[in-house]
PDB file of N, CA and C in Angstrom:
ATOM      1  N   MET A   1      17.577  -8.594   8.685  1.00  0.00           N
ATOM      2  CA  MET A   1      17.128  -8.329  10.180  1.00  0.00           C
ATOM      3  C   MET A   1      17.195  -9.702  11.108  1.00  0.00           C
ATOM      4  N   THR A   2      17.013  -9.850  11.948  1.00  0.00           N
ATOM      5  CA  THR A   2      17.881 -11.272  13.078  1.00  0.00           C
ATOM      6  C   THR A   2      16.446 -10.996  14.154  1.00  0.00           C
ATOM      7  N   TYR A   3      15.985 -11.945  14.253  1.00  0.00           N
ATOM      8  CA  TYR A   3      15.263 -12.319  15.862  1.00  0.00           C
ATOM      9  C   TYR A   3      15.932 -12.251  16.711  1.00  0.00           C
ATOM     10  N   PRO A   4      15.615 -11.816  17.971  1.00  0.00           N
ATOM     11  CA  PRO A   4      14.370 -10.805  18.019  1.00  0.00           C
ATOM     12  C   PRO A   4      14.256  -9.607  17.400  1.00  0.00           C
ATOM     13  N   GLY A   5      13.440  -9.027  17.103  1.00  0.00           N
ATOM     14  CA  GLY A   5      13.063  -7.592  16.749  1.00  0.00           C
ATOM     15  C   GLY A   5      11.818  -7.338  16.423  1.00  0.00           C
ATOM     16  N   VAL A   6      11.833  -6.206  15.975  1.00  0.00           N
ATOM     17  CA  VAL A   6      10.584  -5.454  15.916  1.00  0.00           C
ATOM     18  C   VAL A   6      10.883  -4.618  14.592  1.00  0.00           C
ATOM     19  N   ALA A   7       9.496  -5.311  13.490  1.00  0.00           N
ATOM     20  CA  ALA A   7       9.981  -4.756  12.448  1.00  0.00           C
ATOM     21  C   ALA A   7       8.452  -3.223  12.134  1.00  0.00           C
ATOM     22  N   ILE A   8       9.204  -2.043  11.489  1.00  0.00           N
ATOM     23  CA  ILE A   8       8.751  -1.154  10.916  1.00  0.00           C
ATOM     24  C   ILE A   8       8.091  -1.030   9.723  1.00  0.00           C
ATOM     25  N   ILE A   9       6.920  -1.489   9.459  1.00  0.00           N
ATOM     26  CA  ILE A   9       6.350  -1.227   7.885  1.00  0.00           C
ATOM     27  C   ILE A   9       5.347   0.435   7.654  1.00  0.00           C
ATOM     28  N   THR A  10       6.117   0.480   6.833  1.00  0.00           N
ATOM     29  CA  THR A  10       5.628   2.003   6.357  1.00  0.00           C
ATOM     30  C   THR A  10       4.805   2.074   5.096  1.00  0.00           C
ATOM     31  N   GLN A  11       3.475   2.130   4.662  1.00  0.00           N
ATOM     32  CA  GLN A  11       2.956   1.798   3.701  1.00  0.00           C
ATOM     33  C   GLN A  11       2.499   3.427   3.052  1.00  0.00           C
ATOM     34  N   GLU A  12       2.543   3.961   1.876  1.00  0.00           N
ATOM     35  CA  GLU A  12       2.098   5.419   1.432  1.00  0.00           C
ATOM     36  C   GLU A  12       1.951   5.033  -0.145  1.00  0.00           C
ATOM     37  N   VAL A  13       0.793   5.595   0.102  1.00  0.00           N
ATOM     38  CA  VAL A  13      -0.123   6.302  -1.066  1.00  0.00           C
ATOM     39  C   VAL A  13       1.006   6.576  -2.356  1.00  0.00           C
ATOM     40  N   THR A  14       1.250   6.034  -3.328  1.00  0.00           N
ATOM     41  CA  THR A  14       1.988   6.814  -4.375  1.00  0.00           C
ATOM     42  C   THR A  14       1.165   7.568  -5.576  1.00  0.00           C
ATOM     43  N   ARG A  15      -0.146   6.533  -5.832  1.00  0.00           N
ATOM     44  CA  ARG A  15      -1.205   6.756  -7.339  1.00  0.00           C
ATOM     45  C   ARG A  15      -1.894   6.548  -6.558  1.00  0.00           C
ATOM     46  N   LEU A  16      -3.003   7.287  -6.940  1.00  0.00           N
ATOM     47  CA  LEU A  16      -4.380   6.973  -6.718  1.00  0.00           C
ATOM     48  C   LEU A  16      -4.849   7.188  -8.409  1.00  0.00           C
ATOM     49  N   GLY A  17      -5.069   6.265  -9.132  1.00  0.00           N
ATOM     50  CA  GLY A  17      -5.993   6.250  -9.937  1.00  0.00           C
ATOM     51  C   GLY A  17      -7.509   6.429 -10.007  1.00  0.00           C
ATOM     52  N   ARG A  18      -8.137   6.145 -11.529  1.00  0.00           N
ATOM     53  CA  ARG A  18      -9.634   6.469 -11.344  1.00  0.00           C
ATOM     54  C   ARG A  18      -9.873   4.943 -10.693  1.00  0.00           C
ATOM     55  N   SER A  19      -9.598   3.697 -10.688  1.00  0.00           N
ATOM     56  CA  SER A  19     -10.089   2.531 -10.388  1.00  0.00           C
ATOM     57  C   SER A  19      -9.129   1.792  -9.408  1.00  0.00           C
ATOM     58  N   SER A  20      -7.871   2.445  -9.757  1.00  0.00           N
ATOM     59  CA  SER A  20      -6.709   1.560  -8.638  1.00  0.00           C
ATOM     60  C   SER A  20      -5.688   2.403  -7.822  1.00  0.00           C
ATOM     61  N   VAL A  21      -5.527   2.453  -7.122  1.00  0.00           N
ATOM     62  CA  VAL A  21      -4.361   3.037  -5.880  1.00  0.00           C
ATOM     63  C   VAL A  21      -3.228   2.243  -6.040  1.00  0.00           C
ATOM     64  N   GLU A  22      -1.590   2.741  -6.305  1.00  0.00           N
ATOM     65  CA  GLU A  22      -0.369   2.087  -5.925  1.00  0.00           C
ATOM     66  C   GLU A  22      -0.487   2.805  -4.426  1.00  0.00           C
ATOM     67  N   MET A  23       0.726   1.836  -3.449  1.00  0.00           N
ATOM     68  CA  MET A  23       1.408   2.186  -2.670  1.00  0.00           C
ATOM     69  C   MET A  23       2.848   1.274  -2.394  1.00  0.00           C
ATOM     70  N   ALA A  24       3.586   2.010  -1.677  1.00  0.00           N
ATOM     71  CA  ALA A  24       5.073   1.927  -1.625  1.00  0.00           C
ATOM     72  C   ALA A  24       5.187   1.236  -0.138  1.00  0.00           C
ATOM     73  N   VAL A  25       5.869   0.318   0.203  1.00  0.00           N
ATOM     74  CA  VAL A  25       5.947  -0.412   1.088  1.00  0.00           C
ATOM     75  C   VAL A  25       7.782  -0.233   2.049  1.00  0.00           C
ATOM     76  N   THR A  26       7.756  -0.209   2.993  1.00  0.00           N
ATOM     77  CA  THR A  26       9.243  -0.199   3.190  1.00  0.00           C
ATOM     78  C   THR A  26       9.166  -1.206   4.644  1.00  0.00           C
ATOM     79  N   ILE A  27      10.100  -1.552   4.579  1.00  0.00           N
ATOM     80  CA  ILE A  27      10.521  -2.557   6.569  1.00  0.00           C
ATOM     81  C   ILE A  27      11.278  -2.053   6.772  1.00  0.00           C
ATOM     82  N   GLU A  28      11.915  -1.257   7.821  1.00  0.00           N
ATOM     83  CA  GLU A  28      12.848  -1.450   8.838  1.00  0.00           C
ATOM     84  C   GLU A  28      12.654  -2.087  10.139  1.00  0.00           C
ATOM     85  N   LYS A  29      13.942  -1.913  10.829  1.00  0.00           N
ATOM     86  CA  LYS A  29      13.812  -2.874  11.942  1.00  0.00           C
ATOM     87  C   LYS A  29      13.851  -1.357  12.911  1.00  0.00           C
ATOM     88  N   LYS A  30      13.117  -1.545  14.118  1.00  0.00           N
ATOM     89  CA  LYS A  30      13.199  -0.445  15.065  1.00  0.00           C
ATOM     90  C   LYS A  30      14.222  -0.588  15.689  1.00  0.00           C
ATOM     91  N   ASN A  31      14.887   0.455  16.220  1.00  0.00           N
ATOM     92  CA  ASN A  31      16.234   1.367  16.790  1.00  0.00           C
ATOM     93  C   ASN A  31      17.422   1.087  15.454  1.00  0.00           C
ATOM     94  N   GLU A  32      17.122   0.999  14.332  1.00  0.00           N
ATOM     95  CA  GLU A  32      17.981   0.507  13.231  1.00  0.00           C
ATOM     96  C   GLU A  32      17.605   2.053  12.528  1.00  0.00           C
ATOM     97  N   PRO A  33      17.470   2.766  12.812  1.00  0.00           N
ATOM     98  CA  PRO A  33      16.751   4.090  11.827  1.00  0.00           C
ATOM     99  C   PRO A  33      17.738   4.111  10.648  1.00  0.00           C
ATOM    100  N   GLY A  34      16.830   4.374   9.305  1.00  0.00           N
ATOM    101  CA  GLY A  34      17.478   4.045   8.237  1.00  0.00           C
ATOM    102  C   GLY A  34      18.353   3.492   7.507  1.00  0.00           C
ATOM    103  N   VAL A  35      18.113   1.812   8.098  1.00  0.00           N
ATOM    104  CA  VAL A  35      18.091   0.679   7.915  1.00  0.00           C
ATOM    105  C   VAL A  35      16.968   0.003   6.945  1.00  0.00           C
ATOM    106  N   VAL A  36      17.012  -0.030   5.615  1.00  0.00           N
ATOM    107  CA  VAL A  36      16.144  -0.552   4.928  1.00  0.00           C
ATOM    108  C   VAL A  36      16.180  -2.093   4.647  1.00  0.00           C
ATOM    109  N   TYR A  37      15.071  -3.003   4.871  1.00  0.00           N
ATOM    110  CA  TYR A  37      15.467  -3.939   5.058  1.00  0.00           C
ATOM    111  C   TYR A  37      14.758  -4.774   4.066  1.00  0.00           C
ATOM    112  N   ALA A  38      13.947  -4.047   3.205  1.00  0.00           N
ATOM    113  CA  ALA A  38      12.994  -4.925   1.890  1.00  0.00           C
ATOM    114  C   ALA A  38      11.953  -3.445   1.977  1.00  0.00           C
ATOM    115  N   THR A  39      11.996  -3.340   0.368  1.00  0.00           N
ATOM    116  CA  THR A  39      11.139  -2.376   0.038  1.00  0.00           C
ATOM    117  C   THR A  39      10.086  -3.405  -0.766  1.00  0.00           C
ATOM    118  N   GLY A  40       8.914  -2.728  -1.250  1.00  0.00           N
ATOM    119  CA  GLY A  40       7.670  -3.324  -2.428  1.00  0.00           C
ATOM    120  C   GLY A  40       6.688  -2.100  -2.910  1.00  0.00           C
ATOM    121  N   ARG A  41       5.978  -3.046  -3.634  1.00  0.00           N
ATOM    122  CA  ARG A  41       4.892  -2.211  -4.264  1.00  0.00           C
ATOM    123  C   ARG A  41       3.536  -2.665  -4.715  1.00  0.00           C
ATOM    124  N   THR A  42       3.043  -2.751  -4.455  1.00  0.00           N
ATOM    125  CA  THR A  42       1.704  -3.396  -4.577  1.00  0.00           C
ATOM    126  C   THR A  42       0.929  -2.315  -5.077  1.00  0.00           C
ATOM    127  N   VAL A  43      -0.413  -2.893  -5.934  1.00  0.00           N
ATOM    128  CA  VAL A  43      -1.572  -1.822  -6.668  1.00  0.00           C
ATOM    129  C   VAL A  43      -3.059  -2.622  -6.009  1.00  0.00           C
ATOM    130  N   ILE A  44      -3.821  -1.718  -5.666  1.00  0.00           N
ATOM    131  CA  ILE A  44      -5.374  -2.708  -5.640  1.00  0.00           C
ATOM    132  C   ILE A  44      -6.048  -1.832  -6.547  1.00  0.00           C
ATOM    133  N   VAL A  45      -6.841  -2.694  -6.923  1.00  0.00           N
ATOM    134  CA  VAL A  45      -7.856  -2.363  -8.026  1.00  0.00           C
ATOM    135  C   VAL A  45      -9.223  -2.860  -7.513  1.00  0.00           C
ATOM    136  N   TRP A  46      -9.995  -1.768  -7.509  1.00  0.00           N
ATOM    137  CA  TRP A  46     -11.604  -1.917  -7.136  1.00  0.00           C
ATOM    138  C   TRP A  46     -12.265  -2.856  -8.502  1.00  0.00           C
ATOM    139  N   TYR A  47     -13.098  -3.264  -7.997  1.00  0.00           N
ATOM    140  CA  TYR A  47     -13.505  -4.479  -9.152  1.00  0.00           C
ATOM    141  C   TYR A  47     -14.915  -4.736  -9.177  1.00  0.00           C
ATOM    142  N   ASP A  48     -15.501  -4.514 -10.110  1.00  0.00           N
ATOM    143  CA  ASP A  48     -16.785  -5.084 -10.506  1.00  0.00           C
ATOM    144  C   ASP A  48     -17.028  -6.601 -10.570  1.00  0.00           C
ATOM    145  N   TYR A  49     -17.466  -7.262  -9.751  1.00  0.00           N
ATOM    146  CA  TYR A  49     -17.491  -8.255 -10.125  1.00  0.00           C
ATOM    147  C   TYR A  49     -18.674  -9.264 -10.812  1.00  0.00           C
ATOM    148  N   ASP A  50     -19.866  -7.651 -11.128  1.00  0.00           N
ATOM    149  CA  ASP A  50     -20.893  -8.466 -11.442  1.00  0.00           C
ATOM    150  C   ASP A  50     -21.022  -8.240 -13.124  1.00  0.00           C
ATOM    151  N   ALA A  51     -20.271  -7.430 -13.281  1.00  0.00           N
ATOM    152  CA  ALA A  51     -19.415  -6.479 -14.406  1.00  0.00           C
ATOM    153  C   ALA A  51     -18.159  -7.003 -15.358  1.00  0.00           C
ATOM    154  N   GLY A  52     -17.647  -8.131 -14.034  1.00  0.00           N
ATOM    155  CA  GLY A  52     -16.174  -8.672 -14.708  1.00  0.00           C
ATOM    156  C   GLY A  52     -15.016  -7.914 -15.109  1.00  0.00           C
ATOM    157  N   LYS A  53     -14.835  -6.441 -14.656  1.00  0.00           N
ATOM    158  CA  LYS A  53     -13.711  -5.445 -14.793  1.00  0.00           C
ATOM    159  C   LYS A  53     -14.051  -4.575 -13.666  1.00  0.00           C
ATOM    160  N   SER A  54     -12.749  -3.790 -13.650  1.00  0.00           N
ATOM    161  CA  SER A  54     -12.618  -2.545 -12.786  1.00  0.00           C
ATOM    162  C   SER A  54     -13.862  -1.394 -12.811  1.00  0.00           C
ATOM    163  N   ALA A  55     -13.685  -0.864 -12.031  1.00  0.00           N
ATOM    164  CA  ALA A  55     -14.888   0.301 -11.773  1.00  0.00           C
ATOM    165  C   ALA A  55     -14.661   0.838 -10.788  1.00  0.00           C
ATOM    166  N   PRO A  56     -14.690   2.777 -11.470  1.00  0.00           N
ATOM    167  CA  PRO A  56     -13.991   3.558 -10.567  1.00  0.00           C
ATOM    168  C   PRO A  56     -14.081   3.720  -9.175  1.00  0.00           C
ATOM    169  N   TRP A  57     -13.491   4.383  -8.321  1.00  0.00           N
ATOM    170  CA  TRP A  57     -13.775   3.714  -6.665  1.00  0.00           C
ATOM    171  C   TRP A  57     -15.248   4.691  -6.242  1.00  0.00           C
ATOM    172  N   PRO A  58     -15.611   4.158  -5.484  1.00  0.00           N
ATOM    173  CA  PRO A  58     -16.445   4.606  -4.657  1.00  0.00           C
ATOM    174  C   PRO A  58     -16.163   6.318  -3.868  1.00  0.00           C
ATOM    175  N   GLU A  59     -16.871   7.560  -4.237  1.00  0.00           N
ATOM    176  CA  GLU A  59     -16.337   8.566  -3.685  1.00  0.00           C
ATOM    177  C   GLU A  59     -15.982   8.535  -2.108  1.00  0.00           C
ATOM    178  N   THR A  60     -17.083   7.899  -1.465  1.00  0.00           N
ATOM    179  CA  THR A  60     -16.712   7.573   0.069  1.00  0.00           C
ATOM    180  C   THR A  60     -15.234   6.624   0.542  1.00  0.00           C
ATOM    181  N   VAL A  61     -14.900   5.591  -0.279  1.00  0.00           N
ATOM    182  CA  VAL A  61     -13.690   5.594  -0.333  1.00  0.00           C
ATOM    183  C   VAL A  61     -12.458   6.371  -0.760  1.00  0.00           C
ATOM    184  N   ARG A  62     -12.898   6.509  -1.869  1.00  0.00           N
ATOM    185  CA  ARG A  62     -11.640   7.339  -2.426  1.00  0.00           C
ATOM    186  C   ARG A  62     -11.304   8.758  -1.492  1.00  0.00           C
ATOM    187  N   ALA A  63     -12.162   9.120  -1.007  1.00  0.00           N
ATOM    188  CA  ALA A  63     -11.832  10.240  -0.057  1.00  0.00           C
ATOM    189  C   ALA A  63     -11.429   9.731   1.197  1.00  0.00           C
ATOM    190  N   ALA A  64     -11.732   8.474   2.131  1.00  0.00           N
ATOM    191  CA  ALA A  64     -10.918   8.003   2.734  1.00  0.00           C
ATOM    192  C   ALA A  64      -9.334   7.450   2.450  1.00  0.00           C
ATOM    193  N   ILE A  65      -9.129   7.358   1.308  1.00  0.00           N
ATOM    194  CA  ILE A  65      -7.711   6.762   0.651  1.00  0.00           C
ATOM    195  C   ILE A  65      -6.675   8.377   0.913  1.00  0.00           C
ATOM    196  N   THR A  66      -7.622   9.488   0.265  1.00  0.00           N
ATOM    197  CA  THR A  66      -6.836  10.744   0.121  1.00  0.00           C
ATOM    198  C   THR A  66      -7.278  11.300   1.284  1.00  0.00           C
TER     199      THR A  66
END
């Protein structure tokens, strides 16, 4: 990908677990449809700092994700 350019970043939920959510990320350049410059994966975990471990998603957050 060269400068100047506009990056199109797509992020989608691929899996929603009890205390985690997995997302796939794709980076493309505007005006170059179908050309993928990067892909990635991220996992976010809801964490209870007082208990020192992961915790189930609160229903309000889970509803917003779905």
